[in-house]
Amino acid sequence: MREPALALPQRAAIERMARREAAAQLLPSPDATVVTVDVRECPTCGGGEEAVRASPLAVQPGLAVFGDVPDPASEEGPVVTVLGCEILTPRALLPAIVLRHHDGSPAVWRTRAVAWAQSANPGVDRHSDVEQLIVELADEEAESDASLVPGGGHRLPPRTSPRALVLPASTRLNPAAVGLRESVPPAARFLSPHLDGPQAQLYEKAYRGSLLRTVAAHL
């Protein structure tokens, strides 16, 4: 049976998001940095700080120190908002660490899962306008594009929106948020730990293919 094709706008949006994550993965090693991790309750599963603290795999709420920082209390690093039901790899935070200042202040970021949840109806994993939401999120995420590419200076452009920047990184479901005790989190999802089903798998396949091709081209 032939696999259904993605519509051109959605495929283009997914490929842009994959290229951003690839560029983020290829960023240089950052200086020592303190990241403030702000955990929000997931409107779908209710996972919050308790789920994060129950998982040894999750980036813990509060101050996360990356590198040798003499006095974390004196540092003003970036803020990253995450859902309690998601797990990020430390490397996923590279864009927030490298691009930690915005208009002279600590940069404020949110994960794709947070942005996705904010654009969805509470308690609903996905709805009829899912494809349009992918395009909108890809456009919103574009604010950091020029800063991620070689020669971009790794400086964010002047702020154009009061909303937090979107972190171009995949996420994984935190097993503790759904009552599991797995030591290894489920597979990465490029949007939300709760996005599933045949259509979501089609999105993931397109995303992973583009991500791997982009990274391979730069190795």
Protein backbone atom coordinates (compact mmCIF):
# COMPACT_ATOMS: atom_id res chain seq x y z
CA MET A 1 0.00 0.00 0.00
CA ARG A 2 1.39 3.38 -1.00
CA GLU A 3 2.24 5.75 1.85
CA PRO A 4 0.19 8.97 1.79
CA ALA A 5 2.11 12.08 0.77
CA LEU A 6 2.46 15.19 2.88
CA ALA A 7 1.03 18.40 1.51
CA LEU A 8 3.74 20.75 0.25
CA PRO A 9 3.29 23.46 2.94
CA GLN A 10 3.54 20.90 5.74
CA ARG A 11 6.54 19.13 4.20
CA ALA A 12 8.33 22.45 3.74
CA ALA A 13 7.57 23.45 7.35
CA ILE A 14 8.77 20.11 8.71
CA GLU A 15 11.98 20.31 6.68
CA ARG A 16 12.67 23.84 7.96
CA MET A 17 12.24 22.68 11.54
CA ALA A 18 14.51 19.69 10.95
CA ARG A 19 17.22 21.89 9.43
CA ARG A 20 17.04 24.18 12.47
CA GLU A 21 17.52 21.29 14.87
CA ALA A 22 20.43 20.05 12.76
CA ALA A 23 22.03 23.51 12.87
CA ALA A 24 21.50 23.61 16.64
CA GLN A 25 23.14 20.21 17.07
CA LEU A 26 26.19 21.48 15.19
CA LEU A 27 26.67 24.60 17.32
CA PRO A 28 30.10 24.97 18.96
CA SER A 29 30.62 23.99 22.58
CA PRO A 30 29.30 26.83 24.74
CA ASP A 31 30.86 28.65 27.65
CA ALA A 32 29.86 27.65 31.17
CA THR A 33 26.26 28.71 31.65
CA VAL A 34 23.43 28.57 34.16
CA VAL A 35 19.99 27.83 32.71
CA THR A 36 16.79 28.47 34.64
CA VAL A 37 14.38 25.63 33.90
CA ASP A 38 10.71 26.57 34.34
CA VAL A 39 8.39 23.54 34.41
CA ARG A 40 4.75 23.91 33.36
CA GLU A 41 1.96 21.40 33.80
CA CYS A 42 0.99 19.62 30.60
CA PRO A 43 -2.66 20.30 29.67
CA THR A 44 -2.92 16.83 28.11
CA CYS A 45 -1.57 14.50 30.80
CA GLY A 46 -1.17 16.78 33.83
CA GLY A 47 2.56 16.07 34.15
CA GLY A 48 4.33 18.79 36.13
CA GLU A 49 7.26 19.31 38.47
CA GLU A 50 6.53 16.10 40.39
CA ALA A 51 6.99 14.05 37.21
CA VAL A 52 10.22 15.89 36.39
CA ARG A 53 11.67 15.32 39.85
CA ALA A 54 10.72 11.63 39.63
CA SER A 55 12.76 11.13 36.47
CA PRO A 56 16.57 10.87 36.56
CA LEU A 57 16.52 11.55 32.81
CA ALA A 58 14.79 14.92 32.94
CA VAL A 59 16.46 18.32 33.21
CA GLN A 60 15.46 19.32 36.71
CA PRO A 61 13.54 22.52 37.55
CA GLY A 62 15.41 25.49 38.94
CA LEU A 63 19.03 26.19 38.07
CA ALA A 64 20.82 23.78 35.76
CA VAL A 65 24.57 24.40 35.61
CA PHE A 66 26.38 23.56 32.38
CA GLY A 67 30.13 23.71 32.73
CA ASP A 68 32.23 25.11 35.54
CA VAL A 69 30.44 28.21 36.82
CA PRO A 70 32.14 29.61 39.96
CA ASP A 71 29.00 31.15 41.44
CA PRO A 72 25.72 30.02 39.83
CA ALA A 73 23.73 32.38 42.05
CA SER A 74 25.43 35.36 40.41
CA GLU A 75 24.80 34.22 36.84
CA GLU A 76 21.93 35.49 34.71
CA GLY A 77 21.51 32.82 32.10
CA PRO A 78 18.63 31.97 29.79
CA VAL A 79 15.23 30.74 30.91
CA VAL A 80 13.79 27.61 29.28
CA THR A 81 10.16 26.63 29.85
CA VAL A 82 9.39 22.91 29.51
CA LEU A 83 6.40 20.65 30.11
CA GLY A 84 6.57 18.25 33.03
CA CYS A 85 5.91 15.33 30.70
CA GLU A 86 8.86 15.90 28.41
CA ILE A 87 12.54 15.05 28.50
CA LEU A 88 15.20 17.00 26.66
CA THR A 89 18.77 15.94 26.14
CA PRO A 90 21.37 18.39 27.48
CA ARG A 91 22.44 19.00 23.89
CA ALA A 92 18.90 20.10 23.04
CA LEU A 93 19.55 23.15 25.23
CA LEU A 94 22.53 24.27 23.12
CA PRO A 95 20.60 27.02 21.27
CA ALA A 96 19.41 28.50 24.57
CA ILE A 97 22.95 28.38 25.98
CA VAL A 98 24.73 29.77 22.93
CA LEU A 99 21.99 32.35 22.29
CA ARG A 100 21.51 33.22 25.94
CA HIS A 101 21.08 36.98 25.59
CA HIS A 102 18.30 38.83 23.83
CA ASP A 103 18.18 42.62 23.65
CA GLY A 104 20.61 42.85 26.56
CA SER A 105 18.62 40.55 28.85
CA PRO A 106 18.63 36.79 29.49
CA ALA A 107 16.87 35.11 26.58
CA VAL A 108 13.57 33.39 27.32
CA TRP A 109 12.85 30.15 25.48
CA ARG A 110 10.09 27.54 25.43
CA THR A 111 10.16 24.08 23.98
CA ARG A 112 8.20 23.12 20.92
CA ALA A 113 5.97 21.03 23.16
CA VAL A 114 5.12 24.11 25.24
CA ALA A 115 4.38 26.16 22.12
CA TRP A 116 2.33 23.28 20.72
CA ALA A 117 0.32 22.95 23.94
CA GLN A 118 -0.31 26.69 24.03
CA SER A 119 -1.79 26.57 20.53
CA ALA A 120 -4.01 23.57 21.21
CA ASN A 121 -7.24 23.06 23.09
CA PRO A 122 -6.51 21.83 26.63
CA GLY A 123 -6.73 18.06 26.88
CA VAL A 124 -6.75 17.54 23.12
CA ASP A 125 -3.65 15.95 21.63
CA ARG A 126 -4.46 17.12 18.12
CA HIS A 127 -7.34 18.51 16.20
CA SER A 128 -8.45 19.36 12.69
CA ASP A 129 -6.06 22.27 12.13
CA VAL A 130 -2.93 20.29 13.05
CA GLU A 131 -1.31 20.84 9.65
CA GLN A 132 -1.82 24.60 9.83
CA LEU A 133 -0.38 24.63 13.36
CA ILE A 134 2.79 22.95 12.10
CA VAL A 135 3.23 25.70 9.51
CA GLU A 136 2.56 28.42 12.09
CA LEU A 137 5.00 26.94 14.59
CA ALA A 138 7.69 26.62 11.91
CA ASP A 139 7.20 30.30 11.07
CA GLU A 140 7.29 31.33 14.73
CA GLU A 141 10.47 29.35 15.30
CA ALA A 142 12.21 31.17 12.44
CA GLU A 143 13.21 34.07 14.70
CA SER A 144 16.47 32.33 15.59
CA ASP A 145 17.30 31.16 12.04
CA ALA A 146 20.06 33.62 11.18
CA SER A 147 21.67 33.11 14.59
CA LEU A 148 22.07 29.36 14.18
CA VAL A 149 23.88 29.22 10.85
CA PRO A 150 27.67 29.54 10.45
CA GLY A 151 28.55 33.21 10.14
CA GLY A 152 25.36 34.25 11.88
CA GLY A 153 27.32 35.62 14.82
CA HIS A 154 25.29 33.60 17.32
CA ARG A 155 23.39 36.74 18.28
CA LEU A 156 19.62 36.96 18.32
CA PRO A 157 17.97 39.73 16.28
CA PRO A 158 16.01 42.48 18.06
CA ARG A 159 12.84 41.21 19.71
CA THR A 160 9.77 41.31 17.47
CA SER A 161 7.30 39.55 19.78
CA PRO A 162 6.68 39.38 23.54
CA ARG A 163 6.42 35.60 23.26
CA ALA A 164 9.29 33.36 24.30
CA LEU A 165 11.54 32.03 21.57
CA VAL A 166 10.89 28.46 20.43
CA LEU A 167 13.71 25.99 21.08
CA PRO A 168 14.46 24.02 17.88
CA ALA A 169 14.80 20.63 19.51
CA SER A 170 12.98 17.31 19.62
CA THR A 171 11.41 16.06 22.82
CA ARG A 172 10.69 12.71 24.47
CA LEU A 173 7.91 11.56 26.75
CA ASN A 174 8.88 11.50 30.42
CA PRO A 175 7.83 7.97 31.54
CA ALA A 176 7.21 9.23 35.09
CA ALA A 177 4.48 11.56 33.81
CA VAL A 178 2.36 8.60 32.68
CA GLY A 179 3.13 6.26 35.57
CA LEU A 180 5.91 4.26 33.93
CA ARG A 181 9.29 3.37 35.43
CA GLU A 182 11.27 2.97 32.24
CA SER A 183 14.95 3.87 32.48
CA VAL A 184 15.07 4.77 28.79
CA PRO A 185 12.58 7.34 27.45
CA PRO A 186 10.49 6.65 24.35
CA ALA A 187 11.64 7.72 20.90
CA ALA A 188 12.11 11.38 20.12
CA ARG A 189 9.19 13.40 18.77
CA PHE A 190 9.81 16.62 16.93
CA LEU A 191 6.73 18.42 18.28
CA SER A 192 5.03 16.94 21.31
CA PRO A 193 5.51 13.83 23.46
CA HIS A 194 1.78 13.15 23.02
CA LEU A 195 1.51 13.48 19.26
CA ASP A 196 0.83 9.98 17.93
CA GLY A 197 -1.09 8.07 15.29
CA PRO A 198 -0.55 7.26 11.60
CA GLN A 199 -0.41 10.89 10.45
CA ALA A 200 1.98 11.83 13.25
CA GLN A 201 4.22 8.92 12.25
CA LEU A 202 4.27 10.29 8.71
CA TYR A 203 5.38 13.68 10.06
CA GLU A 204 8.08 12.03 12.15
CA LYS A 205 9.42 10.01 9.24
CA ALA A 206 9.75 13.13 7.10
CA TYR A 207 11.35 15.04 9.96
CA ARG A 208 13.91 12.37 10.88
CA GLY A 209 14.89 11.89 7.26
CA SER A 210 15.50 15.60 6.76
CA LEU A 211 17.35 15.92 10.08
CA LEU A 212 19.71 13.02 9.35
CA ARG A 213 20.41 14.20 5.80
CA THR A 214 21.24 17.70 7.00
CA VAL A 215 23.56 16.54 9.77
CA ALA A 216 25.28 14.05 7.46
CA ALA A 217 25.91 16.78 4.89
CA HIS A 218 27.87 18.79 7.48
CA LEU A 219 30.04 15.96 8.81
